[in-house]
Amino acid sequence: MSVAETLRNRIFDGVFAPGSHLMEIALANELGVSRTPVRGAMARLADEGLLVYVPNKGFQVRRFNAKDVFDAFSVRANLEAMACRLIAERGLDTESQDGLQAMMDAQRELLQNEWDDERALCWHDQNVAFHDKVMVLADNRWLAEAVHRARQLPIIFDSNLRPHNRDASMLLFRREQAQLAFEDHCRLVDALVRRDAGEAEALMREHITSNRDLLVLHLRKNAERIRTTA
């Protein structure tokens, strides 16, 4: 694993907290490398938006707020909606249709069982797999890279795309919310199979923006609660 990958994963996993400074010499010693690759890795992560450079202090882990989440989800909603339009216009072959239907069957089975944190995380993994599949079917590298960036920034998931801020992101994986998302997925697959590009595009955009609004509302309420109790 490269120095950049190591530092990136530590940021995503919360080892380096938002606002903390990364110490170049200490990291070089810990990782058993010279300061040059550490400095290069920090510059790369700054380009990715994970770090910010503070004059006379060095690199600091970037803080994200509710507006960052709103903006990132808004971009993602439009990009994934575009992906659905591309798929519907091109059409799905039998193998792709069967693969999507198998995902719907697995999601349906999961929702029929008793719900707990473990199943919520299973739902999360299935949901990520579904959205990943959509991007694969869209077959557009530039679009996929842009969606990947919008998913990871701001940081609300860890390096494995699991919930990072449990109180906030787990809102998306309550049983009732998962049921609504599953119904969205089913309607979306149906629109893709029917090659209804306009409906598929609208459904994906609405699907992501509804999650965006739920998450942002929670983050803003939490920020307000912290301000009033400080």
Protein backbone atom coordinates (compact mmCIF):
# COMPACT_ATOMS: atom_id res chain seq x y z
CA MET A 1 0.00 0.00 0.00
CA SER A 2 1.38 3.41 -0.95
CA VAL A 3 1.94 6.21 1.57
CA ALA A 4 -0.99 8.14 0.05
CA GLU A 5 -3.30 5.13 0.36
CA THR A 6 -2.26 4.57 3.97
CA LEU A 7 -2.90 8.18 4.94
CA ARG A 8 -6.15 8.30 2.98
CA ASN A 9 -7.53 5.22 4.73
CA ARG A 10 -6.53 6.58 8.14
CA ILE A 11 -8.44 9.78 7.40
CA PHE A 12 -11.51 7.88 6.23
CA ASP A 13 -11.37 5.54 9.23
CA GLY A 14 -11.09 8.41 11.71
CA VAL A 15 -7.55 7.67 12.86
CA PHE A 16 -6.74 11.25 11.90
CA ALA A 17 -9.60 13.39 13.19
CA PRO A 18 -10.95 16.43 11.30
CA GLY A 19 -8.83 19.46 12.09
CA SER A 20 -5.79 17.46 13.21
CA HIS A 21 -2.33 18.27 11.83
CA LEU A 22 -0.25 15.59 10.13
CA MET A 23 3.33 15.58 11.34
CA GLU A 24 5.64 14.88 8.42
CA ILE A 25 8.66 13.66 10.39
CA ALA A 26 6.63 11.46 12.76
CA LEU A 27 4.75 9.83 9.86
CA ALA A 28 7.96 9.24 7.92
CA ASN A 29 9.49 7.49 10.94
CA GLU A 30 6.37 5.44 11.58
CA LEU A 31 6.01 4.31 7.98
CA GLY A 32 9.72 3.69 7.51
CA VAL A 33 10.12 6.07 4.58
CA SER A 34 11.84 9.38 3.96
CA ARG A 35 10.03 12.69 4.30
CA THR A 36 9.82 13.10 0.51
CA PRO A 37 7.10 10.46 -0.17
CA VAL A 38 5.15 11.64 2.90
CA ARG A 39 5.27 15.22 1.64
CA GLY A 40 4.17 14.05 -1.81
CA ALA A 41 1.32 12.00 -0.37
CA MET A 42 0.07 14.95 1.66
CA ALA A 43 0.11 17.17 -1.43
CA ARG A 44 -1.88 14.53 -3.32
CA LEU A 45 -4.49 14.25 -0.56
CA ALA A 46 -4.75 18.04 -0.51
CA ASP A 47 -5.53 17.92 -4.26
CA GLU A 48 -8.22 15.34 -3.48
CA GLY A 49 -9.76 17.66 -0.88
CA LEU A 50 -8.95 15.56 2.18
CA LEU A 51 -6.27 17.89 3.52
CA VAL A 52 -5.81 21.64 3.58
CA TYR A 53 -2.49 23.46 3.77
CA VAL A 54 -2.18 25.95 6.63
CA PRO A 55 0.75 28.38 6.27
CA ASN A 56 3.43 27.84 8.93
CA LYS A 57 1.53 24.82 10.28
CA GLY A 58 1.55 22.29 7.45
CA PHE A 59 -1.24 19.98 6.36
CA GLN A 60 -4.47 19.63 8.33
CA VAL A 61 -7.34 17.15 7.92
CA ARG A 62 -10.22 19.01 6.33
CA ARG A 63 -13.43 19.61 8.25
CA PHE A 64 -16.73 19.04 6.44
CA ASN A 65 -20.12 20.52 7.29
CA ALA A 66 -23.76 20.03 6.30
CA LYS A 67 -23.38 22.26 3.23
CA ASP A 68 -20.53 20.05 1.99
CA VAL A 69 -22.80 17.01 2.34
CA PHE A 70 -25.67 18.79 0.57
CA ASP A 71 -23.45 19.89 -2.31
CA ALA A 72 -21.76 16.50 -2.74
CA PHE A 73 -25.06 14.58 -2.73
CA SER A 74 -26.55 17.07 -5.18
CA VAL A 75 -23.70 16.49 -7.60
CA ARG A 76 -23.93 12.75 -7.12
CA ALA A 77 -27.69 12.78 -7.72
CA ASN A 78 -27.27 14.39 -11.11
CA LEU A 79 -24.32 12.24 -12.11
CA GLU A 80 -25.98 8.93 -11.21
CA ALA A 81 -29.18 10.14 -12.85
CA MET A 82 -27.16 10.71 -16.01
CA ALA A 83 -25.78 7.18 -15.70
CA CYS A 84 -29.32 5.79 -15.61
CA ARG A 85 -30.25 7.77 -18.71
CA LEU A 86 -27.25 6.33 -20.55
CA ILE A 87 -28.19 2.78 -19.54
CA ALA A 88 -31.82 3.15 -20.55
CA GLU A 89 -30.97 4.72 -23.89
CA ARG A 90 -28.52 1.91 -24.67
CA GLY A 91 -30.72 -0.85 -23.29
CA LEU A 92 -29.90 -3.82 -21.07
CA ASP A 93 -28.96 -7.28 -22.27
CA THR A 94 -30.44 -10.37 -20.66
CA GLU A 95 -27.42 -10.98 -18.43
CA SER A 96 -27.53 -7.43 -17.03
CA GLN A 97 -31.27 -7.66 -16.40
CA ASP A 98 -30.82 -10.95 -14.59
CA GLY A 99 -28.02 -9.48 -12.48
CA LEU A 100 -30.14 -6.52 -11.40
CA GLN A 101 -33.09 -8.78 -10.64
CA ALA A 102 -30.88 -11.01 -8.48
CA MET A 103 -29.89 -7.91 -6.51
CA MET A 104 -33.54 -7.01 -6.00
CA ASP A 105 -34.28 -10.54 -4.80
CA ALA A 106 -31.43 -10.37 -2.27
CA GLN A 107 -32.59 -6.97 -1.00
CA ARG A 108 -36.17 -8.21 -0.66
CA GLU A 109 -35.04 -11.26 1.31
CA LEU A 110 -32.94 -9.14 3.66
CA LEU A 111 -35.85 -6.83 4.41
CA GLN A 112 -38.13 -9.74 5.25
CA ASN A 113 -35.99 -10.75 8.24
CA GLU A 114 -35.62 -9.30 11.73
CA TRP A 115 -33.82 -5.95 11.60
CA ASP A 116 -30.74 -5.11 13.67
CA ASP A 117 -27.42 -3.29 13.25
CA GLU A 118 -25.86 -6.25 11.46
CA ARG A 119 -28.66 -6.39 8.91
CA ALA A 120 -28.54 -2.62 8.53
CA LEU A 121 -24.89 -2.89 7.53
CA CYS A 122 -25.73 -5.76 5.18
CA TRP A 123 -28.32 -3.50 3.61
CA HIS A 124 -25.70 -0.80 3.28
CA ASP A 125 -23.37 -3.20 1.45
CA GLN A 126 -26.16 -4.31 -0.89
CA ASN A 127 -27.11 -0.71 -1.55
CA VAL A 128 -23.51 0.20 -2.43
CA ALA A 129 -23.32 -2.86 -4.70
CA PHE A 130 -26.48 -1.77 -6.50
CA HIS A 131 -25.20 1.75 -7.13
CA ASP A 132 -21.82 0.34 -8.19
CA LYS A 133 -23.61 -1.93 -10.66
CA VAL A 134 -25.43 1.04 -12.16
CA MET A 135 -22.11 2.79 -12.76
CA VAL A 136 -20.62 -0.34 -14.35
CA LEU A 137 -23.60 -0.63 -16.69
CA ALA A 138 -23.31 3.04 -17.63
CA ASP A 139 -19.83 2.20 -18.96
CA ASN A 140 -18.42 5.72 -18.71
CA ARG A 141 -15.07 5.99 -16.93
CA TRP A 142 -15.19 9.77 -16.50
CA LEU A 143 -18.64 9.60 -14.99
CA ALA A 144 -17.66 6.75 -12.67
CA GLU A 145 -14.61 8.64 -11.39
CA ALA A 146 -16.68 11.75 -10.70
CA VAL A 147 -19.29 9.72 -8.81
CA HIS A 148 -16.59 8.00 -6.76
CA ARG A 149 -15.20 11.35 -5.67
CA ALA A 150 -18.67 12.70 -4.82
CA ARG A 151 -19.33 9.61 -2.69
CA GLN A 152 -16.15 9.89 -0.67
CA LEU A 153 -16.12 13.64 -0.07
CA PRO A 154 -17.32 14.87 2.33
CA ILE A 155 -16.34 12.04 4.66
CA ILE A 156 -19.41 10.24 5.95
CA PHE A 157 -18.21 6.70 5.14
CA ASP A 158 -15.00 4.91 6.07
CA SER A 159 -12.40 3.43 3.72
CA ASN A 160 -14.73 0.49 3.02
CA LEU A 161 -17.71 2.79 2.37
CA ARG A 162 -19.23 1.76 5.70
CA PRO A 163 -21.00 4.40 7.88
CA HIS A 164 -18.39 6.70 9.41
CA ASN A 165 -20.61 9.01 11.47
CA ARG A 166 -22.86 6.34 12.96
CA ASP A 167 -25.55 8.64 14.34
CA ALA A 168 -25.91 10.44 11.03
CA SER A 169 -25.27 7.90 8.30
CA MET A 170 -27.11 5.04 10.01
CA LEU A 171 -30.28 7.09 9.54
CA LEU A 172 -30.16 5.93 5.94
CA PHE A 173 -30.23 2.29 7.01
CA ARG A 174 -33.18 2.12 9.38
CA ARG A 175 -35.61 -0.54 8.25
CA GLU A 176 -38.28 1.91 7.10
CA GLN A 177 -35.72 3.94 5.17
CA ALA A 178 -34.24 0.79 3.64
CA GLN A 179 -37.73 -0.31 2.57
CA LEU A 180 -38.30 2.99 0.79
CA ALA A 181 -34.92 2.73 -0.91
CA PHE A 182 -35.67 -0.84 -2.01
CA GLU A 183 -38.93 0.31 -3.59
CA ASP A 184 -36.99 3.04 -5.39
CA HIS A 185 -34.53 0.43 -6.66
CA CYS A 186 -37.34 -1.76 -7.98
CA ARG A 187 -38.97 1.12 -9.84
CA LEU A 188 -35.62 2.14 -11.23
CA VAL A 189 -34.80 -1.35 -12.52
CA ASP A 190 -38.23 -1.52 -14.12
CA ALA A 191 -37.64 1.81 -15.90
CA LEU A 192 -34.22 0.65 -17.10
CA VAL A 193 -35.65 -2.59 -18.47
CA ARG A 194 -38.41 -0.67 -20.26
CA ARG A 195 -35.77 1.74 -21.62
CA ASP A 196 -37.63 4.74 -20.22
CA ALA A 197 -34.65 7.09 -19.99
CA GLY A 198 -36.57 10.06 -18.61
CA GLU A 199 -38.19 8.09 -15.80
CA ALA A 200 -34.97 6.26 -14.90
CA GLU A 201 -33.08 9.54 -14.71
CA ALA A 202 -35.75 11.20 -12.55
CA LEU A 203 -36.06 8.21 -10.23
CA MET A 204 -32.34 8.07 -9.47
CA ARG A 205 -32.14 11.81 -8.90
CA GLU A 206 -35.09 11.73 -6.49
CA HIS A 207 -33.72 8.62 -4.76
CA ILE A 208 -30.40 10.28 -3.90
CA THR A 209 -31.77 13.72 -3.06
CA SER A 210 -34.23 12.23 -0.56
CA ASN A 211 -31.32 10.59 1.27
CA ARG A 212 -29.41 13.85 1.02
CA ASP A 213 -32.20 15.81 2.66
CA LEU A 214 -32.58 13.30 5.49
CA LEU A 215 -28.88 13.30 6.25
CA VAL A 216 -28.41 17.08 5.98
CA LEU A 217 -31.38 17.75 8.26
CA HIS A 218 -29.83 15.52 10.93
CA LEU A 219 -26.41 17.15 10.59
CA ARG A 220 -27.84 20.64 10.87
CA LYS A 221 -29.92 19.75 13.91
CA ASN A 222 -26.88 18.18 15.52
CA ALA A 223 -24.74 21.26 14.80
CA GLU A 224 -27.43 23.49 16.30
CA ARG A 225 -27.66 21.31 19.40
CA ILE A 226 -23.89 21.55 19.88
CA ARG A 227 -24.00 25.33 19.53
CA THR A 228 -26.81 25.75 22.07
CA THR A 229 -25.17 23.47 24.65
CA ALA A 230 -21.64 24.82 24.27
